[in-house]
Amino acid sequence: MLGGYFALSMAFSLSQLPAEFAKIAGDLGIADFAAPPQVQTIGTVGAILVLSLYALVLIFSIRRLRARKLTFWAPLAAGLLAWVLFFVLFAISLGQSTELWQELMQIASDPEKAQQLLDQLSTRS
């Protein structure tokens, strides 16, 4: 059950990457930001991959349980693989959004701007 919840949550997050990038851009003060179309494609493919991975591991785990073999490691390994996949796809999508990427790198190189952004985010509910 927990694996299913996290798989659905991760798939939903991946499918909403353009909206999340627009939210981040708004927080950074980038006006009229639009994520490239590739970001939506990457998110959709990622969501399908995560849900497919969950389905395969669920089938594999049930078969191992019926054979009375240890199976606790399979969902753990799949969860780790799904997180790695999520962060790789997020990084690739961020790399496709050059305007957002450049602004993030500019903030990361300036401690004052980074502190202002953190202060702004901490006052938000």
PDB file of N, CA and C in Angstrom:
ATOM      1  N   MET A   1       0.825  -1.197   0.000  1.00  0.00           N
ATOM      2  CA  MET A   1       0.000   0.000   0.000  1.00  0.00           C
ATOM      3  C   MET A   1       0.865   1.256   0.000  1.00  0.00           C
ATOM      4  N   LEU A   2       1.880   1.260   0.822  1.00  0.00           N
ATOM      5  CA  LEU A   2       2.752   2.428   0.909  1.00  0.00           C
ATOM      6  C   LEU A   2       3.477   2.657  -0.416  1.00  0.00           C
ATOM      7  N   GLY A   3       3.939   1.577  -1.037  1.00  0.00           N
ATOM      8  CA  GLY A   3       4.608   1.684  -2.331  1.00  0.00           C
ATOM      9  C   GLY A   3       3.677   2.233  -3.398  1.00  0.00           C
ATOM     10  N   GLY A   4       2.421   1.803  -3.374  1.00  0.00           N
ATOM     11  CA  GLY A   4       1.439   2.306  -4.328  1.00  0.00           C
ATOM     12  C   GLY A   4       1.187   3.786  -4.155  1.00  0.00           C
ATOM     13  N   TYR A   5       1.096   4.223  -2.898  1.00  0.00           N
ATOM     14  CA  TYR A   5       0.891   5.642  -2.629  1.00  0.00           C
ATOM     15  C   TYR A   5       2.060   6.462  -3.167  1.00  0.00           C
ATOM     16  N   PHE A   6       3.287   6.023  -2.853  1.00  0.00           N
ATOM     17  CA  PHE A   6       4.452   6.779  -3.305  1.00  0.00           C
ATOM     18  C   PHE A   6       4.611   6.742  -4.825  1.00  0.00           C
ATOM     19  N   ALA A   7       4.260   5.625  -5.444  1.00  0.00           N
ATOM     20  CA  ALA A   7       4.340   5.539  -6.903  1.00  0.00           C
ATOM     21  C   ALA A   7       3.344   6.503  -7.556  1.00  0.00           C
ATOM     22  N   LEU A   8       2.129   6.535  -7.036  1.00  0.00           N
ATOM     23  CA  LEU A   8       1.130   7.468  -7.577  1.00  0.00           C
ATOM     24  C   LEU A   8       1.531   8.920  -7.329  1.00  0.00           C
ATOM     25  N   SER A   9       2.050   9.187  -6.149  1.00  0.00           N
ATOM     26  CA  SER A   9       2.482  10.540  -5.827  1.00  0.00           C
ATOM     27  C   SER A   9       3.618  10.990  -6.737  1.00  0.00           C
ATOM     28  N   MET A  10       4.588  10.113  -6.947  1.00  0.00           N
ATOM     29  CA  MET A  10       5.723  10.444  -7.802  1.00  0.00           C
ATOM     30  C   MET A  10       5.285  10.611  -9.254  1.00  0.00           C
ATOM     31  N   ALA A  11       4.397   9.744  -9.712  1.00  0.00           N
ATOM     32  CA  ALA A  11       3.898   9.842 -11.088  1.00  0.00           C
ATOM     33  C   ALA A  11       3.130  11.142 -11.282  1.00  0.00           C
ATOM     34  N   PHE A  12       2.333  11.524 -10.299  1.00  0.00           N
ATOM     35  CA  PHE A  12       1.593  12.787 -10.397  1.00  0.00           C
ATOM     36  C   PHE A  12       2.555  13.971 -10.437  1.00  0.00           C
ATOM     37  N   SER A  13       3.585  13.939  -9.590  1.00  0.00           N
ATOM     38  CA  SER A  13       4.578  15.019  -9.580  1.00  0.00           C
ATOM     39  C   SER A  13       5.284  15.136 -10.923  1.00  0.00           C
ATOM     40  N   LEU A  14       5.647  14.012 -11.491  1.00  0.00           N
ATOM     41  CA  LEU A  14       6.315  14.031 -12.791  1.00  0.00           C
ATOM     42  C   LEU A  14       5.393  14.567 -13.882  1.00  0.00           C
ATOM     43  N   SER A  15       4.133  14.200 -13.824  1.00  0.00           N
ATOM     44  CA  SER A  15       3.209  14.661 -14.867  1.00  0.00           C
ATOM     45  C   SER A  15       2.917  16.155 -14.748  1.00  0.00           C
ATOM     46  N   GLN A  16       3.208  16.749 -13.592  1.00  0.00           N
ATOM     47  CA  GLN A  16       2.949  18.169 -13.362  1.00  0.00           C
ATOM     48  C   GLN A  16       4.218  19.023 -13.402  1.00  0.00           C
ATOM     49  N   LEU A  17       5.296  18.526 -14.033  1.00  0.00           N
ATOM     50  CA  LEU A  17       6.559  19.260 -14.061  1.00  0.00           C
ATOM     51  C   LEU A  17       6.449  20.676 -14.635  1.00  0.00           C
ATOM     52  N   PRO A  18       5.764  20.890 -15.765  1.00  0.00           N
ATOM     53  CA  PRO A  18       5.682  22.267 -16.273  1.00  0.00           C
ATOM     54  C   PRO A  18       5.031  23.232 -15.279  1.00  0.00           C
ATOM     55  N   ALA A  19       3.994  22.787 -14.601  1.00  0.00           N
ATOM     56  CA  ALA A  19       3.338  23.646 -13.612  1.00  0.00           C
ATOM     57  C   ALA A  19       4.265  23.910 -12.430  1.00  0.00           C
ATOM     58  N   GLU A  20       5.003  22.910 -12.007  1.00  0.00           N
ATOM     59  CA  GLU A  20       5.955  23.094 -10.904  1.00  0.00           C
ATOM     60  C   GLU A  20       7.070  24.052 -11.299  1.00  0.00           C
ATOM     61  N   PHE A  21       7.564  23.924 -12.523  1.00  0.00           N
ATOM     62  CA  PHE A  21       8.607  24.837 -12.996  1.00  0.00           C
ATOM     63  C   PHE A  21       8.079  26.269 -13.072  1.00  0.00           C
ATOM     64  N   ALA A  22       6.827  26.423 -13.479  1.00  0.00           N
ATOM     65  CA  ALA A  22       6.232  27.765 -13.534  1.00  0.00           C
ATOM     66  C   ALA A  22       6.125  28.355 -12.131  1.00  0.00           C
ATOM     67  N   LYS A  23       5.795  27.516 -11.153  1.00  0.00           N
ATOM     68  CA  LYS A  23       5.720  27.967  -9.767  1.00  0.00           C
ATOM     69  C   LYS A  23       7.090  28.410  -9.259  1.00  0.00           C
ATOM     70  N   ILE A  24       8.112  27.619  -9.555  1.00  0.00           N
ATOM     71  CA  ILE A  24       9.480  27.952  -9.152  1.00  0.00           C
ATOM     72  C   ILE A  24       9.914  29.249  -9.830  1.00  0.00           C
ATOM     73  N   ALA A  25       9.613  29.382 -11.117  1.00  0.00           N
ATOM     74  CA  ALA A  25       9.977  30.597 -11.852  1.00  0.00           C
ATOM     75  C   ALA A  25       9.285  31.817 -11.253  1.00  0.00           C
ATOM     76  N   GLY A  26       8.042  31.665 -10.855  1.00  0.00           N
ATOM     77  CA  GLY A  26       7.333  32.770 -10.214  1.00  0.00           C
ATOM     78  C   GLY A  26       7.990  33.175  -8.906  1.00  0.00           C
ATOM     79  N   ASP A  27       8.428  32.186  -8.130  1.00  0.00           N
ATOM     80  CA  ASP A  27       9.126  32.478  -6.875  1.00  0.00           C
ATOM     81  C   ASP A  27      10.448  33.188  -7.115  1.00  0.00           C
ATOM     82  N   LEU A  28      11.079  32.889  -8.232  1.00  0.00           N
ATOM     83  CA  LEU A  28      12.360  33.508  -8.561  1.00  0.00           C
ATOM     84  C   LEU A  28      12.197  34.861  -9.240  1.00  0.00           C
ATOM     85  N   GLY A  29      10.972  35.220  -9.579  1.00  0.00           N
ATOM     86  CA  GLY A  29      10.718  36.511 -10.203  1.00  0.00           C
ATOM     87  C   GLY A  29      10.850  36.511 -11.716  1.00  0.00           C
ATOM     88  N   ILE A  30      10.790  35.340 -12.341  1.00  0.00           N
ATOM     89  CA  ILE A  30      10.851  35.261 -13.802  1.00  0.00           C
ATOM     90  C   ILE A  30       9.429  35.442 -14.331  1.00  0.00           C
ATOM     91  N   ALA A  31       9.227  36.522 -15.054  1.00  0.00           N
ATOM     92  CA  ALA A  31       7.895  36.819 -15.582  1.00  0.00           C
ATOM     93  C   ALA A  31       7.656  36.047 -16.882  1.00  0.00           C
ATOM     94  N   ASP A  32       6.438  35.639 -17.102  1.00  0.00           N
ATOM     95  CA  ASP A  32       6.019  34.973 -18.340  1.00  0.00           C
ATOM     96  C   ASP A  32       6.861  33.747 -18.666  1.00  0.00           C
ATOM     97  N   PHE A  33       7.120  32.913 -17.668  1.00  0.00           N
ATOM     98  CA  PHE A  33       7.898  31.697 -17.913  1.00  0.00           C
ATOM     99  C   PHE A  33       6.986  30.618 -18.484  1.00  0.00           C
ATOM    100  N   ALA A  34       7.460  29.960 -19.504  1.00  0.00           N
ATOM    101  CA  ALA A  34       6.750  28.813 -20.082  1.00  0.00           C
ATOM    102  C   ALA A  34       7.772  27.691 -20.271  1.00  0.00           C
ATOM    103  N   ALA A  35       7.492  26.554 -19.671  1.00  0.00           N
ATOM    104  CA  ALA A  35       8.401  25.417 -19.803  1.00  0.00           C
ATOM    105  C   ALA A  35       8.372  24.907 -21.240  1.00  0.00           C
ATOM    106  N   PRO A  36       9.512  24.465 -21.753  1.00  0.00           N
ATOM    107  CA  PRO A  36       9.537  23.907 -23.111  1.00  0.00           C
ATOM    108  C   PRO A  36       8.654  22.660 -23.205  1.00  0.00           C
ATOM    109  N   PRO A  37       8.165  22.339 -24.395  1.00  0.00           N
ATOM    110  CA  PRO A  37       7.283  21.173 -24.556  1.00  0.00           C
ATOM    111  C   PRO A  37       7.952  19.852 -24.156  1.00  0.00           C
ATOM    112  N   GLN A  38       9.294  19.790 -24.268  1.00  0.00           N
ATOM    113  CA  GLN A  38       9.994  18.554 -23.902  1.00  0.00           C
ATOM    114  C   GLN A  38       9.785  18.207 -22.423  1.00  0.00           C
ATOM    115  N   VAL A  39       9.602  19.224 -21.587  1.00  0.00           N
ATOM    116  CA  VAL A  39       9.442  18.988 -20.154  1.00  0.00           C
ATOM    117  C   VAL A  39       8.179  18.166 -19.902  1.00  0.00           C
ATOM    118  N   GLN A  40       7.093  18.496 -20.583  1.00  0.00           N
ATOM    119  CA  GLN A  40       5.855  17.722 -20.426  1.00  0.00           C
ATOM    120  C   GLN A  40       6.053  16.286 -20.899  1.00  0.00           C
ATOM    121  N   THR A  41       6.760  16.108 -22.004  1.00  0.00           N
ATOM    122  CA  THR A  41       7.016  14.766 -22.524  1.00  0.00           C
ATOM    123  C   THR A  41       7.858  13.959 -21.548  1.00  0.00           C
ATOM    124  N   ILE A  42       8.910  14.576 -21.030  1.00  0.00           N
ATOM    125  CA  ILE A  42       9.772  13.891 -20.055  1.00  0.00           C
ATOM    126  C   ILE A  42       8.966  13.503 -18.824  1.00  0.00           C
ATOM    127  N   GLY A  43       8.116  14.402 -18.359  1.00  0.00           N
ATOM    128  CA  GLY A  43       7.288  14.107 -17.190  1.00  0.00           C
ATOM    129  C   GLY A  43       6.309  12.971 -17.428  1.00  0.00           C
ATOM    130  N   THR A  44       5.685  12.968 -18.582  1.00  0.00           N
ATOM    131  CA  THR A  44       4.721  11.905 -18.901  1.00  0.00           C
ATOM    132  C   THR A  44       5.411  10.554 -19.025  1.00  0.00           C
ATOM    133  N   VAL A  45       6.531  10.524 -19.720  1.00  0.00           N
ATOM    134  CA  VAL A  45       7.290   9.271 -19.852  1.00  0.00           C
ATOM    135  C   VAL A  45       7.762   8.799 -18.483  1.00  0.00           C
ATOM    136  N   GLY A  46       8.227   9.729 -17.654  1.00  0.00           N
ATOM    137  CA  GLY A  46       8.667   9.375 -16.308  1.00  0.00           C
ATOM    138  C   GLY A  46       7.542   8.798 -15.468  1.00  0.00           C
ATOM    139  N   ALA A  47       6.357   9.401 -15.559  1.00  0.00           N
ATOM    140  CA  ALA A  47       5.212   8.898 -14.804  1.00  0.00           C
ATOM    141  C   ALA A  47       4.856   7.474 -15.236  1.00  0.00           C
ATOM    142  N   ILE A  48       4.877   7.231 -16.532  1.00  0.00           N
ATOM    143  CA  ILE A  48       4.586   5.885 -17.039  1.00  0.00           C
ATOM    144  C   ILE A  48       5.648   4.894 -16.565  1.00  0.00           C
ATOM    145  N   LEU A  49       6.912   5.304 -16.576  1.00  0.00           N
ATOM    146  CA  LEU A  49       7.989   4.420 -16.114  1.00  0.00           C
ATOM    147  C   LEU A  49       7.849   4.078 -14.633  1.00  0.00           C
ATOM    148  N   VAL A  50       7.536   5.066 -13.819  1.00  0.00           N
ATOM    149  CA  VAL A  50       7.391   4.829 -12.377  1.00  0.00           C
ATOM    150  C   VAL A  50       6.224   3.883 -12.102  1.00  0.00           C
ATOM    151  N   LEU A  51       5.097   4.112 -12.756  1.00  0.00           N
ATOM    152  CA  LEU A  51       3.942   3.230 -12.539  1.00  0.00           C
ATOM    153  C   LEU A  51       4.202   1.819 -13.077  1.00  0.00           C
ATOM    154  N   SER A  52       4.923   1.716 -14.183  1.00  0.00           N
ATOM    155  CA  SER A  52       5.276   0.397 -14.729  1.00  0.00           C
ATOM    156  C   SER A  52       6.218  -0.337 -13.787  1.00  0.00           C
ATOM    157  N   LEU A  53       7.176   0.381 -13.241  1.00  0.00           N
ATOM    158  CA  LEU A  53       8.105  -0.219 -12.281  1.00  0.00           C
ATOM    159  C   LEU A  53       7.348  -0.737 -11.064  1.00  0.00           C
ATOM    160  N   TYR A  54       6.394   0.043 -10.570  1.00  0.00           N
ATOM    161  CA  TYR A  54       5.596  -0.394  -9.433  1.00  0.00           C
ATOM    162  C   TYR A  54       4.812  -1.669  -9.765  1.00  0.00           C
ATOM    163  N   ALA A  55       4.186  -1.701 -10.925  1.00  0.00           N
ATOM    164  CA  ALA A  55       3.397  -2.866 -11.321  1.00  0.00           C
ATOM    165  C   ALA A  55       4.281  -4.114 -11.435  1.00  0.00           C
ATOM    166  N   LEU A  56       5.450  -3.961 -12.057  1.00  0.00           N
ATOM    167  CA  LEU A  56       6.355  -5.107 -12.202  1.00  0.00           C
ATOM    168  C   LEU A  56       6.847  -5.623 -10.858  1.00  0.00           C
ATOM    169  N   VAL A  57       7.188  -4.722  -9.969  1.00  0.00           N
ATOM    170  CA  VAL A  57       7.682  -5.149  -8.650  1.00  0.00           C
ATOM    171  C   VAL A  57       6.552  -5.756  -7.831  1.00  0.00           C
ATOM    172  N   LEU A  58       5.352  -5.247  -7.980  1.00  0.00           N
ATOM    173  CA  LEU A  58       4.214  -5.834  -7.279  1.00  0.00           C
ATOM    174  C   LEU A  58       3.993  -7.275  -7.726  1.00  0.00           C
ATOM    175  N   ILE A  59       4.004  -7.517  -9.022  1.00  0.00           N
ATOM    176  CA  ILE A  59       3.842  -8.878  -9.551  1.00  0.00           C
ATOM    177  C   ILE A  59       4.989  -9.769  -9.088  1.00  0.00           C
ATOM    178  N   PHE A  60       6.217  -9.260  -9.186  1.00  0.00           N
ATOM    179  CA  PHE A  60       7.393 -10.023  -8.764  1.00  0.00           C
ATOM    180  C   PHE A  60       7.309 -10.375  -7.279  1.00  0.00           C
ATOM    181  N   SER A  61       6.910  -9.417  -6.449  1.00  0.00           N
ATOM    182  CA  SER A  61       6.833  -9.645  -5.007  1.00  0.00           C
ATOM    183  C   SER A  61       5.756 -10.667  -4.653  1.00  0.00           C
ATOM    184  N   ILE A  62       4.622 -10.575  -5.300  1.00  0.00           N
ATOM    185  CA  ILE A  62       3.546 -11.535  -5.024  1.00  0.00           C
ATOM    186  C   ILE A  62       3.981 -12.941  -5.413  1.00  0.00           C
ATOM    187  N   ARG A  63       4.649 -13.067  -6.546  1.00  0.00           N
ATOM    188  CA  ARG A  63       5.131 -14.397  -6.967  1.00  0.00           C
ATOM    189  C   ARG A  63       6.150 -14.947  -5.974  1.00  0.00           C
ATOM    190  N   ARG A  64       7.043 -14.105  -5.487  1.00  0.00           N
ATOM    191  CA  ARG A  64       8.041 -14.560  -4.509  1.00  0.00           C
ATOM    192  C   ARG A  64       7.382 -14.915  -3.178  1.00  0.00           C
ATOM    193  N   LEU A  65       6.373 -14.156  -2.772  1.00  0.00           N
ATOM    194  CA  LEU A  65       5.668 -14.474  -1.533  1.00  0.00           C
ATOM    195  C   LEU A  65       4.954 -15.818  -1.636  1.00  0.00           C
ATOM    196  N   ARG A  66       4.347 -16.079  -2.772  1.00  0.00           N
ATOM    197  CA  ARG A  66       3.667 -17.367  -2.970  1.00  0.00           C
ATOM    198  C   ARG A  66       4.654 -18.530  -2.971  1.00  0.00           C
ATOM    199  N   ALA A  67       5.884 -18.264  -3.408  1.00  0.00           N
ATOM    200  CA  ALA A  67       6.918 -19.306  -3.406  1.00  0.00           C
ATOM    201  C   ALA A  67       7.611 -19.386  -2.047  1.00  0.00           C
ATOM    202  N   ARG A  68       7.143 -18.603  -1.080  1.00  0.00           N
ATOM    203  CA  ARG A  68       7.688 -18.567   0.274  1.00  0.00           C
ATOM    204  C   ARG A  68       9.167 -18.179   0.298  1.00  0.00           C
ATOM    205  N   LYS A  69       9.511 -17.181  -0.494  1.00  0.00           N
ATOM    206  CA  LYS A  69      10.869 -16.651  -0.526  1.00  0.00           C
ATOM    207  C   LYS A  69      10.870 -15.229   0.037  1.00  0.00           C
ATOM    208  N   LEU A  70      12.037 -14.807   0.475  1.00  0.00           N
ATOM    209  CA  LEU A  70      12.169 -13.438   0.980  1.00  0.00           C
ATOM    210  C   LEU A  70      11.919 -12.449  -0.158  1.00  0.00           C
ATOM    211  N   THR A  71      11.131 -11.437   0.151  1.00  0.00           N
ATOM    212  CA  THR A  71      10.797 -10.479  -0.903  1.00  0.00           C
ATOM    213  C   THR A  71      10.861  -9.028  -0.451  1.00  0.00           C
ATOM    214  N   PHE A  72      11.239  -8.796   0.806  1.00  0.00           N
ATOM    215  CA  PHE A  72      11.237  -7.428   1.312  1.00  0.00           C
ATOM    216  C   PHE A  72      12.183  -6.509   0.541  1.00  0.00           C
ATOM    217  N   TRP A  73      13.223  -7.082  -0.028  1.00  0.00           N
ATOM    218  CA  TRP A  73      14.234  -6.275  -0.714  1.00  0.00           C
ATOM    219  C   TRP A  73      13.741  -5.725  -2.059  1.00  0.00           C
ATOM    220  N   ALA A  74      12.805  -6.415  -2.685  1.00  0.00           N
ATOM    221  CA  ALA A  74      12.346  -5.989  -4.014  1.00  0.00           C
ATOM    222  C   ALA A  74      11.659  -4.619  -3.985  1.00  0.00           C
ATOM    223  N   PRO A  75      10.680  -4.382  -3.094  1.00  0.00           N
ATOM    224  CA  PRO A  75      10.074  -3.046  -3.059  1.00  0.00           C
ATOM    225  C   PRO A  75      11.063  -1.962  -2.628  1.00  0.00           C
ATOM    226  N   LEU A  76      11.990  -2.311  -1.747  1.00  0.00           N
ATOM    227  CA  LEU A  76      12.992  -1.321  -1.332  1.00  0.00           C
ATOM    228  C   LEU A  76      13.894  -0.930  -2.499  1.00  0.00           C
ATOM    229  N   ALA A  77      14.343  -1.930  -3.239  1.00  0.00           N
ATOM    230  CA  ALA A  77      15.198  -1.649  -4.403  1.00  0.00           C
ATOM    231  C   ALA A  77      14.429  -0.865  -5.469  1.00  0.00           C
ATOM    232  N   ALA A  78      13.174  -1.217  -5.681  1.00  0.00           N
ATOM    233  CA  ALA A  78      12.361  -0.506  -6.671  1.00  0.00           C
ATOM    234  C   ALA A  78      12.112   0.935  -6.235  1.00  0.00           C
ATOM    235  N   GLY A  79      11.896   1.142  -4.945  1.00  0.00           N
ATOM    236  CA  GLY A  79      11.707   2.503  -4.442  1.00  0.00           C
ATOM    237  C   GLY A  79      12.951   3.347  -4.644  1.00  0.00           C
ATOM    238  N   LEU A  80      14.105   2.753  -4.374  1.00  0.00           N
ATOM    239  CA  LEU A  80      15.361   3.467  -4.598  1.00  0.00           C
ATOM    240  C   LEU A  80      15.554   3.783  -6.083  1.00  0.00           C
ATOM    241  N   LEU A  81      15.271   2.821  -6.926  1.00  0.00           N
ATOM    242  CA  LEU A  81      15.378   3.025  -8.367  1.00  0.00           C
ATOM    243  C   LEU A  81      14.409   4.112  -8.845  1.00  0.00           C
ATOM    244  N   ALA A  82      13.210   4.129  -8.297  1.00  0.00           N
ATOM    245  CA  ALA A  82      12.220   5.140  -8.676  1.00  0.00           C
ATOM    246  C   ALA A  82      12.683   6.538  -8.260  1.00  0.00           C
ATOM    247  N   TRP A  83      13.281   6.676  -7.079  1.00  0.00           N
ATOM    248  CA  TRP A  83      13.780   7.985  -6.643  1.00  0.00           C
ATOM    249  C   TRP A  83      14.923   8.458  -7.526  1.00  0.00           C
ATOM    250  N   VAL A  84      15.820   7.556  -7.865  1.00  0.00           N
ATOM    251  CA  VAL A  84      16.920   7.919  -8.758  1.00  0.00           C
ATOM    252  C   VAL A  84      16.358   8.358 -10.107  1.00  0.00           C
ATOM    253  N   LEU A  85      15.410   7.605 -10.626  1.00  0.00           N
ATOM    254  CA  LEU A  85      14.774   7.942 -11.900  1.00  0.00           C
ATOM    255  C   LEU A  85      14.103   9.310 -11.822  1.00  0.00           C
ATOM    256  N   PHE A  86      13.400   9.570 -10.733  1.00  0.00           N
ATOM    257  CA  PHE A  86      12.719  10.851 -10.542  1.00  0.00           C
ATOM    258  C   PHE A  86      13.709  12.006 -10.590  1.00  0.00           C
ATOM    259  N   PHE A  87      14.795  11.901  -9.840  1.00  0.00           N
ATOM    260  CA  PHE A  87      15.746  13.007  -9.778  1.00  0.00           C
ATOM    261  C   PHE A  87      16.523  13.180 -11.079  1.00  0.00           C
ATOM    262  N   VAL A  88      16.807  12.091 -11.766  1.00  0.00           N
ATOM    263  CA  VAL A  88      17.468  12.197 -13.073  1.00  0.00           C
ATOM    264  C   VAL A  88      16.552  12.896 -14.070  1.00  0.00           C
ATOM    265  N   LEU A  89      15.289  12.501 -14.105  1.00  0.00           N
ATOM    266  CA  LEU A  89      14.345  13.133 -15.031  1.00  0.00           C
ATOM    267  C   LEU A  89      14.092  14.596 -14.666  1.00  0.00           C
ATOM    268  N   PHE A  90      14.061  14.894 -13.384  1.00  0.00           N
ATOM    269  CA  PHE A  90      13.898  16.278 -12.952  1.00  0.00           C
ATOM    270  C   PHE A  90      15.087  17.116 -13.410  1.00  0.00           C
ATOM    271  N   ALA A  91      16.294  16.575 -13.248  1.00  0.00           N
ATOM    272  CA  ALA A  91      17.500  17.302 -13.669  1.00  0.00           C
ATOM    273  C   ALA A  91      17.531  17.501 -15.181  1.00  0.00           C
ATOM    274  N   ILE A  92      17.149  16.479 -15.921  1.00  0.00           N
ATOM    275  CA  ILE A  92      17.109  16.604 -17.383  1.00  0.00           C
ATOM    276  C   ILE A  92      16.079  17.664 -17.787  1.00  0.00           C
ATOM    277  N   SER A  93      14.927  17.662 -17.145  1.00  0.00           N
ATOM    278  CA  SER A  93      13.889  18.654 -17.449  1.00  0.00           C
ATOM    279  C   SER A  93      14.348  20.056 -17.100  1.00  0.00           C
ATOM    280  N   LEU A  94      15.031  20.183 -15.976  1.00  0.00           N
ATOM    281  CA  LEU A  94      15.544  21.490 -15.584  1.00  0.00           C
ATOM    282  C   LEU A  94      16.591  21.976 -16.579  1.00  0.00           C
ATOM    283  N   GLY A  95      17.384  21.056 -17.091  1.00  0.00           N
ATOM    284  CA  GLY A  95      18.367  21.416 -18.104  1.00  0.00           C
ATOM    285  C   GLY A  95      17.725  21.884 -19.397  1.00  0.00           C
ATOM    286  N   GLN A  96      16.531  21.418 -19.690  1.00  0.00           N
ATOM    287  CA  GLN A  96      15.807  21.851 -20.880  1.00  0.00           C
ATOM    288  C   GLN A  96      15.238  23.264 -20.714  1.00  0.00           C
ATOM    289  N   SER A  97      15.025  23.676 -19.481  1.00  0.00           N
ATOM    290  CA  SER A  97      14.480  25.001 -19.179  1.00  0.00           C
ATOM    291  C   SER A  97      15.637  25.946 -18.870  1.00  0.00           C
ATOM    292  N   THR A  98      16.298  26.411 -19.919  1.00  0.00           N
ATOM    293  CA  THR A  98      17.542  27.170 -19.738  1.00  0.00           C
ATOM    294  C   THR A  98      17.345  28.461 -18.941  1.00  0.00           C
ATOM    295  N   GLU A  99      16.245  29.154 -19.148  1.00  0.00           N
ATOM    296  CA  GLU A  99      16.016  30.406 -18.432  1.00  0.00           C
ATOM    297  C   GLU A  99      15.932  30.156 -16.918  1.00  0.00           C
ATOM    298  N   LEU A 100      15.202  29.127 -16.539  1.00  0.00           N
ATOM    299  CA  LEU A 100      15.064  28.774 -15.134  1.00  0.00           C
ATOM    300  C   LEU A 100      16.398  28.297 -14.565  1.00  0.00           C
ATOM    301  N   TRP A 101      17.103  27.483 -15.317  1.00  0.00           N
ATOM    302  CA  TRP A 101      18.397  26.960 -14.891  1.00  0.00           C
ATOM    303  C   TRP A 101      19.390  28.098 -14.651  1.00  0.00           C
ATOM    304  N   GLN A 102      19.447  29.062 -15.568  1.00  0.00           N
ATOM    305  CA  GLN A 102      20.380  30.178 -15.427  1.00  0.00           C
ATOM    306  C   GLN A 102      20.057  31.015 -14.196  1.00  0.00           C
ATOM    307  N   GLU A 103      18.785  31.227 -13.938  1.00  0.00           N
ATOM    308  CA  GLU A 103      18.389  31.996 -12.754  1.00  0.00           C
ATOM    309  C   GLU A 103      18.753  31.251 -11.470  1.00  0.00           C
ATOM    310  N   LEU A 104      18.544  29.953 -11.449  1.00  0.00           N
ATOM    311  CA  LEU A 104      18.912  29.161 -10.271  1.00  0.00           C
ATOM    312  C   LEU A 104      20.421  29.193 -10.030  1.00  0.00           C
ATOM    313  N   MET A 105      21.204  29.106 -11.090  1.00  0.00           N
ATOM    314  CA  MET A 105      22.662  29.151 -10.941  1.00  0.00           C
ATOM    315  C   MET A 105      23.135  30.523 -10.478  1.00  0.00           C
ATOM    316  N   GLN A 106      22.454  31.571 -10.939  1.00  0.00           N
ATOM    317  CA  GLN A 106      22.798  32.924 -10.516  1.00  0.00           C
ATOM    318  C   GLN A 106      22.507  33.098  -9.025  1.00  0.00           C
ATOM    319  N   ILE A 107      21.394  32.572  -8.574  1.00  0.00           N
ATOM    320  CA  ILE A 107      21.051  32.657  -7.156  1.00  0.00           C
ATOM    321  C   ILE A 107      22.003  31.810  -6.323  1.00  0.00           C
ATOM    322  N   ALA A 108      22.369  30.648  -6.829  1.00  0.00           N
ATOM    323  CA  ALA A 108      23.277  29.766  -6.090  1.00  0.00           C
ATOM    324  C   ALA A 108      24.663  30.391  -5.930  1.00  0.00           C
ATOM    325  N   SER A 109      25.073  31.232  -6.865  1.00  0.00           N
ATOM    326  CA  SER A 109      26.399  31.844  -6.789  1.00  0.00           C
ATOM    327  C   SER A 109      26.411  33.130  -5.969  1.00  0.00           C
ATOM    328  N   ASP A 110      25.255  33.645  -5.597  1.00  0.00           N
ATOM    329  CA  ASP A 110      25.178  34.879  -4.816  1.00  0.00           C
ATOM    330  C   ASP A 110      24.482  34.591  -3.484  1.00  0.00           C
ATOM    331  N   PRO A 111      25.241  34.560  -2.383  1.00  0.00           N
ATOM    332  CA  PRO A 111      24.646  34.220  -1.080  1.00  0.00           C
ATOM    333  C   PRO A 111      23.529  35.166  -0.645  1.00  0.00           C
ATOM    334  N   GLU A 112      23.632  36.440  -1.011  1.00  0.00           N
ATOM    335  CA  GLU A 112      22.584  37.389  -0.618  1.00  0.00           C
ATOM    336  C   GLU A 112      21.264  37.079  -1.311  1.00  0.00           C
ATOM    337  N   LYS A 113      21.327  36.776  -2.609  1.00  0.00           N
ATOM    338  CA  LYS A 113      20.108  36.420  -3.342  1.00  0.00           C
ATOM    339  C   LYS A 113      19.526  35.106  -2.813  1.00  0.00           C
ATOM    340  N   ALA A 114      20.398  34.170  -2.496  1.00  0.00           N
ATOM    341  CA  ALA A 114      19.930  32.895  -1.959  1.00  0.00           C
ATOM    342  C   ALA A 114      19.224  33.100  -0.625  1.00  0.00           C
ATOM    343  N   GLN A 115      19.768  33.955   0.227  1.00  0.00           N
ATOM    344  CA  GLN A 115      19.139  34.229   1.515  1.00  0.00           C
ATOM    345  C   GLN A 115      17.802  34.935   1.330  1.00  0.00           C
ATOM    346  N   GLN A 116      17.721  35.869   0.380  1.00  0.00           N
ATOM    347  CA  GLN A 116      16.457  36.552   0.106  1.00  0.00           C
ATOM    348  C   GLN A 116      15.393  35.561  -0.351  1.00  0.00           C
ATOM    349  N   LEU A 117      15.788  34.627  -1.214  1.00  0.00           N
ATOM    350  CA  LEU A 117      14.837  33.618  -1.687  1.00  0.00           C
ATOM    351  C   LEU A 117      14.385  32.724  -0.541  1.00  0.00           C
ATOM    352  N   LEU A 118      15.312  32.314   0.312  1.00  0.00           N
ATOM    353  CA  LEU A 118      14.947  31.476   1.458  1.00  0.00           C
ATOM    354  C   LEU A 118      14.021  32.225   2.412  1.00  0.00           C
ATOM    355  N   ASP A 119      14.298  33.515   2.637  1.00  0.00           N
ATOM    356  CA  ASP A 119      13.420  34.312   3.484  1.00  0.00           C
ATOM    357  C   ASP A 119      12.020  34.420   2.884  1.00  0.00           C
ATOM    358  N   GLN A 120      11.961  34.622   1.576  1.00  0.00           N
ATOM    359  CA  GLN A 120      10.678  34.726   0.891  1.00  0.00           C
ATOM    360  C   GLN A 120       9.896  33.418   0.999  1.00  0.00           C
ATOM    361  N   LEU A 121      10.589  32.304   0.818  1.00  0.00           N
ATOM    362  CA  LEU A 121       9.923  31.006   0.887  1.00  0.00           C
ATOM    363  C   LEU A 121       9.499  30.656   2.303  1.00  0.00           C
ATOM    364  N   SER A 122      10.264  31.105   3.309  1.00  0.00           N
ATOM    365  CA  SER A 122       9.922  30.773   4.695  1.00  0.00           C
ATOM    366  C   SER A 122       8.727  31.571   5.210  1.00  0.00           C
ATOM    367  N   THR A 123       8.459  32.731   4.625  1.00  0.00           N
ATOM    368  CA  THR A 123       7.304  33.513   5.068  1.00  0.00           C
ATOM    369  C   THR A 123       6.018  33.024   4.428  1.00  0.00           C
ATOM    370  N   ARG A 124       6.130  32.208   3.406  1.00  0.00           N
ATOM    371  CA  ARG A 124       4.965  31.671   2.721  1.00  0.00           C
ATOM    372  C   ARG A 124       4.369  30.534   3.543  1.00  0.00           C
ATOM    373  N   SER A 125       3.070  30.403   3.516  1.00  0.00           N
ATOM    374  CA  SER A 125       2.399  29.329   4.261  1.00  0.00           C
ATOM    375  C   SER A 125       2.506  28.022   3.571  1.00  0.00           C
TER     376      SER A 125
END
